[in-house]
Amino acid sequence: MPLVRCNGAEIYYEDHGTGEPILFLHGAWAGCRYFEAQLTGLSTEYRTIAFDFRGHGRSAKTEVGHTLAQYAQDVHAILDHLALDDVVIVGWSLGAIVSWEYIDRFGTERVRALVDVDMEPSPMQHDDNEYGSYNVDGLTELHRRIQSEPAEVIERTIDLLLNDASSRELRTMMFDEMSRTPPSIKSAMLLELLCDYRNVLPAIDVPTLVCAGADEKWRSVPAVEHAAELIPDARVELFEESGHCLTVEEPERFNDVASDFVESL
């Protein structure tokens, strides 16, 4: 099992194929299994890489370090370990935020392009934020439920994540992945949703593709599209048959869109 030590944590990663590198960053409580169709399907054309964030999947369940800043530091360590330059970073949900944090901290010297998969620039509701999916009361209640009924929270989350949550095979994979992140880490990560990247995105100077699921239940399509409005040289692709999990709900189309975007660079 390929592991790399990143800033005090053993991080699990996968590395497939050869060619231009594409690095996939997964969402909260998820893992690189959400990118299996991309890691294998695109590896005939590109070098496809993904890793499990600390506290997730097959990586170490560290007691500390569950911040966007630390996750971005881990991305930097992975790039160093695998000697990746001119990489296309595909960030889904939390992974998109981590990619923005990485760029805010390290710039775009090693980044060729970005793909933001279904994430908004400022997740929290503010007086000056037209969008925002979360509020303090909602996060407080979610924290309490994570600590008191973790399995029920996972089942409900799966229902919210998918356009069609009826596939038993997909639900089993998602339940297994979410169960790998301990409740203590799940709760700790809720504070990171207080982030706001509206002042960061206008400085991104690499081509960016923003992908939105038409049946997203947590945030609106305009909220996701707002990222493209803030990022120069960004365009939007709408996935009509997807909720929040585009890479597993429309894997073939996602691969085609991602490949076309890379080829257009």
Protein backbone atom coordinates (compact mmCIF):
# COMPACT_ATOMS: atom_id res chain seq x y z
CA MET A 1 0.00 0.00 0.00
CA PRO A 2 1.69 3.25 -1.12
CA LEU A 3 2.19 5.59 1.82
CA VAL A 4 4.10 8.82 2.22
CA ARG A 5 4.83 10.61 5.48
CA CYS A 6 3.47 14.16 5.22
CA ASN A 7 4.00 16.53 8.11
CA GLY A 8 3.79 13.82 10.75
CA ALA A 9 1.03 11.69 9.17
CA GLU A 10 1.10 8.57 7.02
CA ILE A 11 -0.84 9.47 3.87
CA TYR A 12 -2.24 6.87 1.48
CA TYR A 13 -2.02 7.71 -2.22
CA GLU A 14 -2.54 6.16 -5.65
CA ASP A 15 -0.51 6.93 -8.76
CA HIS A 16 -1.55 5.61 -12.18
CA GLY A 17 -0.41 6.01 -15.77
CA THR A 18 2.06 8.40 -17.36
CA GLY A 19 1.90 11.77 -19.05
CA GLU A 20 0.54 15.11 -17.89
CA PRO A 21 -0.28 14.85 -14.17
CA ILE A 22 -3.78 15.30 -12.76
CA LEU A 23 -4.13 15.40 -8.97
CA PHE A 24 -7.58 14.67 -7.49
CA LEU A 25 -8.56 16.07 -4.07
CA HIS A 26 -11.64 14.52 -2.48
CA GLY A 27 -14.41 15.96 -0.31
CA ALA A 28 -15.01 15.89 3.44
CA TRP A 29 -15.49 12.44 5.00
CA ALA A 30 -14.65 10.90 1.62
CA GLY A 31 -11.51 9.44 0.02
CA CYS A 32 -9.82 8.74 -3.27
CA ARG A 33 -12.22 5.84 -3.95
CA TYR A 34 -14.60 8.55 -5.22
CA PHE A 35 -12.14 8.97 -8.11
CA GLU A 36 -11.72 5.31 -9.10
CA ALA A 37 -13.35 5.92 -12.49
CA GLN A 38 -11.03 8.86 -13.12
CA LEU A 39 -7.85 7.24 -11.81
CA THR A 40 -8.31 4.25 -14.08
CA GLY A 41 -10.29 5.75 -16.97
CA LEU A 42 -7.97 8.70 -17.55
CA SER A 43 -4.71 6.87 -16.84
CA THR A 44 -4.39 5.81 -20.48
CA GLU A 45 -3.87 9.47 -21.40
CA TYR A 46 -2.53 11.08 -18.22
CA ARG A 47 -0.75 10.42 -14.96
CA THR A 48 -3.61 10.32 -12.45
CA ILE A 49 -2.94 10.75 -8.73
CA ALA A 50 -5.16 10.93 -5.66
CA PHE A 51 -4.61 10.67 -1.93
CA ASP A 52 -6.71 10.40 1.20
CA PHE A 53 -6.53 13.47 3.43
CA ARG A 54 -5.29 12.80 6.95
CA GLY A 55 -8.17 11.50 9.02
CA HIS A 56 -9.83 10.07 5.90
CA GLY A 57 -9.89 6.80 3.99
CA ARG A 58 -6.71 4.78 4.39
CA SER A 59 -4.58 7.63 5.74
CA ALA A 60 -3.63 8.01 9.41
CA LYS A 61 -6.34 9.15 11.79
CA THR A 62 -4.28 11.86 13.46
CA GLU A 63 -5.62 13.68 16.48
CA VAL A 64 -4.47 17.06 15.16
CA GLY A 65 -3.97 18.83 11.86
CA HIS A 66 -7.55 18.89 10.57
CA THR A 67 -7.44 22.38 9.12
CA LEU A 68 -7.44 23.69 5.58
CA ALA A 69 -3.96 25.06 6.17
CA GLN A 70 -2.61 21.64 7.15
CA TYR A 71 -4.37 19.88 4.27
CA ALA A 72 -2.80 22.39 1.86
CA GLN A 73 0.59 21.69 3.43
CA ASP A 74 -0.02 17.99 2.79
CA VAL A 75 -0.80 18.72 -0.87
CA HIS A 76 2.52 20.55 -1.08
CA ALA A 77 4.30 17.56 0.46
CA ILE A 78 2.67 15.17 -2.03
CA LEU A 79 3.76 17.36 -4.94
CA ASP A 80 7.31 17.27 -3.58
CA HIS A 81 7.28 13.53 -2.93
CA LEU A 82 6.03 12.71 -6.43
CA ALA A 83 8.03 15.52 -8.09
CA LEU A 84 4.90 16.96 -9.70
CA ASP A 85 5.01 20.18 -11.71
CA ASP A 86 2.53 21.71 -14.16
CA VAL A 87 -0.17 19.68 -12.45
CA VAL A 88 -3.89 20.00 -13.06
CA ILE A 89 -5.61 19.95 -9.66
CA VAL A 90 -9.16 18.63 -9.55
CA GLY A 91 -10.76 19.56 -6.24
CA TRP A 92 -14.19 18.23 -5.36
CA SER A 93 -16.14 19.94 -2.56
CA LEU A 94 -13.70 20.27 0.36
CA GLY A 95 -10.97 19.39 -2.13
CA ALA A 96 -11.74 22.54 -4.09
CA ILE A 97 -11.35 24.63 -0.94
CA VAL A 98 -8.04 22.90 -0.20
CA SER A 99 -6.86 23.73 -3.72
CA TRP A 100 -7.71 27.40 -3.13
CA GLU A 101 -5.92 27.34 0.22
CA TYR A 102 -2.91 25.75 -1.47
CA ILE A 103 -2.79 28.50 -4.11
CA ASP A 104 -3.23 31.20 -1.49
CA ARG A 105 -0.23 29.82 0.39
CA PHE A 106 2.06 28.57 -2.38
CA GLY A 107 0.91 30.26 -5.58
CA THR A 108 0.47 28.63 -8.99
CA GLU A 109 4.09 28.00 -9.94
CA ARG A 110 3.49 24.24 -9.97
CA VAL A 111 -0.16 24.37 -11.06
CA ARG A 112 -1.16 24.29 -14.70
CA ALA A 113 -4.93 24.52 -14.22
CA LEU A 114 -7.75 23.97 -11.74
CA VAL A 115 -11.03 22.09 -11.82
CA ASP A 116 -13.49 23.14 -9.10
CA VAL A 117 -16.13 20.45 -8.65
CA ASP A 118 -19.33 21.72 -7.01
CA MET A 119 -18.00 24.11 -4.40
CA GLU A 120 -18.84 27.71 -3.56
CA PRO A 121 -16.32 30.42 -2.55
CA SER A 122 -17.87 31.16 0.87
CA PRO A 123 -19.86 28.28 2.39
CA MET A 124 -21.23 30.21 5.39
CA GLN A 125 -24.15 32.61 5.31
CA HIS A 126 -23.10 36.25 5.80
CA ASP A 127 -24.87 39.57 5.46
CA ASP A 128 -22.63 40.37 2.48
CA ASN A 129 -22.86 36.89 0.95
CA GLU A 130 -25.69 36.33 -1.51
CA TYR A 131 -25.16 32.57 -1.23
CA GLY A 132 -23.86 30.41 1.63
CA SER A 133 -25.12 26.92 2.47
CA TYR A 134 -24.49 26.82 6.20
CA ASN A 135 -25.25 28.82 9.33
CA VAL A 136 -23.98 28.53 12.90
CA ASP A 137 -27.16 26.93 14.24
CA GLY A 138 -27.10 24.30 11.50
CA LEU A 139 -23.45 23.42 12.11
CA THR A 140 -24.07 23.23 15.85
CA GLU A 141 -26.92 20.78 15.34
CA LEU A 142 -24.85 18.74 12.88
CA HIS A 143 -22.01 18.53 15.41
CA ARG A 144 -24.42 17.20 18.05
CA ARG A 145 -25.83 14.61 15.66
CA ILE A 146 -22.35 13.49 14.57
CA GLN A 147 -21.52 12.83 18.21
CA SER A 148 -24.81 11.14 19.13
CA GLU A 149 -25.98 9.30 15.99
CA PRO A 150 -23.05 8.97 13.55
CA ALA A 151 -24.50 6.19 11.41
CA GLU A 152 -27.77 8.05 10.89
CA VAL A 153 -25.84 11.18 9.90
CA ILE A 154 -23.97 9.19 7.24
CA GLU A 155 -27.17 7.68 5.80
CA ARG A 156 -28.85 11.10 5.65
CA THR A 157 -25.76 12.65 4.10
CA ILE A 158 -25.72 10.07 1.33
CA ASP A 159 -29.35 10.91 0.54
CA LEU A 160 -28.41 14.58 0.24
CA LEU A 161 -25.28 14.00 -1.81
CA LEU A 162 -26.79 12.07 -4.70
CA ASN A 163 -29.29 12.82 -7.43
CA ASP A 164 -30.45 9.18 -7.23
CA ALA A 165 -29.46 7.49 -3.97
CA SER A 166 -30.98 4.11 -4.84
CA SER A 167 -27.79 2.30 -5.94
CA ARG A 168 -26.90 -0.14 -3.17
CA GLU A 169 -23.34 -0.58 -4.45
CA LEU A 170 -22.68 3.16 -4.48
CA ARG A 171 -24.30 3.70 -1.08
CA THR A 172 -22.18 0.90 0.41
CA MET A 173 -18.98 2.46 -0.90
CA MET A 174 -19.95 5.90 0.39
CA PHE A 175 -21.01 4.57 3.80
CA ASP A 176 -17.74 2.70 4.12
CA GLU A 177 -15.68 5.76 3.20
CA MET A 178 -17.57 8.10 5.53
CA SER A 179 -17.27 5.60 8.37
CA ARG A 180 -13.48 5.71 8.08
CA THR A 181 -13.42 9.32 9.31
CA PRO A 182 -13.92 9.29 13.11
CA PRO A 183 -16.69 11.49 14.56
CA SER A 184 -14.12 13.59 16.40
CA ILE A 185 -12.50 14.54 13.09
CA LYS A 186 -15.84 15.09 11.38
CA SER A 187 -16.81 17.57 14.09
CA ALA A 188 -13.44 19.32 14.08
CA MET A 189 -13.71 19.95 10.36
CA LEU A 190 -17.02 21.79 10.71
CA LEU A 191 -15.15 24.88 11.91
CA GLU A 192 -13.27 25.01 8.60
CA LEU A 193 -16.56 25.83 6.87
CA LEU A 194 -16.19 29.34 8.29
CA CYS A 195 -13.69 29.97 5.48
CA ASP A 196 -14.19 32.65 2.82
CA TYR A 197 -12.21 32.65 -0.44
CA ARG A 198 -13.97 35.47 -2.24
CA ASN A 199 -10.83 37.59 -1.95
CA VAL A 200 -8.56 34.74 -3.04
CA LEU A 201 -10.25 33.57 -6.24
CA PRO A 202 -9.75 36.79 -8.28
CA ALA A 203 -5.98 36.31 -7.96
CA ILE A 204 -5.99 32.82 -9.50
CA ASP A 205 -4.00 33.12 -12.72
CA VAL A 206 -4.43 29.67 -14.29
CA PRO A 207 -7.28 28.36 -16.46
CA THR A 208 -10.13 27.03 -14.34
CA LEU A 209 -13.11 24.79 -15.04
CA VAL A 210 -16.03 24.97 -12.61
CA CYS A 211 -18.34 21.93 -12.62
CA ALA A 212 -21.78 22.05 -11.02
CA GLY A 213 -24.36 19.34 -10.33
CA ALA A 214 -27.81 20.43 -11.45
CA ASP A 215 -29.51 18.49 -8.64
CA GLU A 216 -27.23 19.74 -5.87
CA LYS A 217 -29.22 19.71 -2.61
CA TRP A 218 -26.83 21.62 -0.33
CA ARG A 219 -26.06 24.65 -2.43
CA SER A 220 -27.49 26.24 -5.55
CA VAL A 221 -25.96 26.08 -9.01
CA PRO A 222 -25.56 29.91 -8.97
CA ALA A 223 -23.56 29.58 -5.74
CA VAL A 224 -21.13 27.21 -7.49
CA GLU A 225 -21.08 29.37 -10.61
CA HIS A 226 -20.10 32.32 -8.42
CA ALA A 227 -16.61 30.83 -8.25
CA ALA A 228 -16.33 31.14 -12.03
CA GLU A 229 -17.50 34.74 -11.81
CA LEU A 230 -14.65 35.52 -9.41
CA ILE A 231 -11.87 33.55 -11.12
CA PRO A 232 -10.43 35.08 -14.30
CA ASP A 233 -10.35 32.75 -17.31
CA ALA A 234 -12.88 30.34 -15.80
CA ARG A 235 -15.75 28.53 -17.47
CA VAL A 236 -18.66 26.45 -16.20
CA GLU A 237 -19.89 22.97 -17.07
CA LEU A 238 -23.29 21.81 -15.79
CA PHE A 239 -23.92 18.12 -15.08
CA GLU A 240 -27.65 17.58 -15.49
CA GLU A 241 -27.79 14.05 -14.01
CA SER A 242 -25.73 14.73 -10.89
CA GLY A 243 -26.20 15.95 -7.36
CA HIS A 244 -23.01 16.71 -5.43
CA CYS A 245 -20.94 13.65 -6.45
CA LEU A 246 -20.28 14.24 -10.14
CA THR A 247 -17.33 11.85 -10.40
CA VAL A 248 -19.41 8.83 -9.35
CA GLU A 249 -22.79 9.92 -10.69
CA GLU A 250 -21.64 10.76 -14.24
CA PRO A 251 -18.15 9.25 -14.38
CA GLU A 252 -17.87 8.83 -18.15
CA ARG A 253 -19.08 12.35 -18.88
CA PHE A 254 -16.85 13.76 -16.17
CA ASN A 255 -13.85 12.02 -17.70
CA ASP A 256 -14.72 13.37 -21.15
CA VAL A 257 -15.15 16.91 -19.83
CA ALA A 258 -11.93 16.75 -17.82
CA SER A 259 -9.97 15.35 -20.76
CA ASP A 260 -11.33 18.00 -23.12
CA PHE A 261 -10.40 20.72 -20.64
CA VAL A 262 -6.82 19.44 -20.25
CA GLU A 263 -6.42 19.14 -24.00
CA SER A 264 -7.60 22.73 -24.43
CA LEU A 265 -4.85 24.15 -22.22
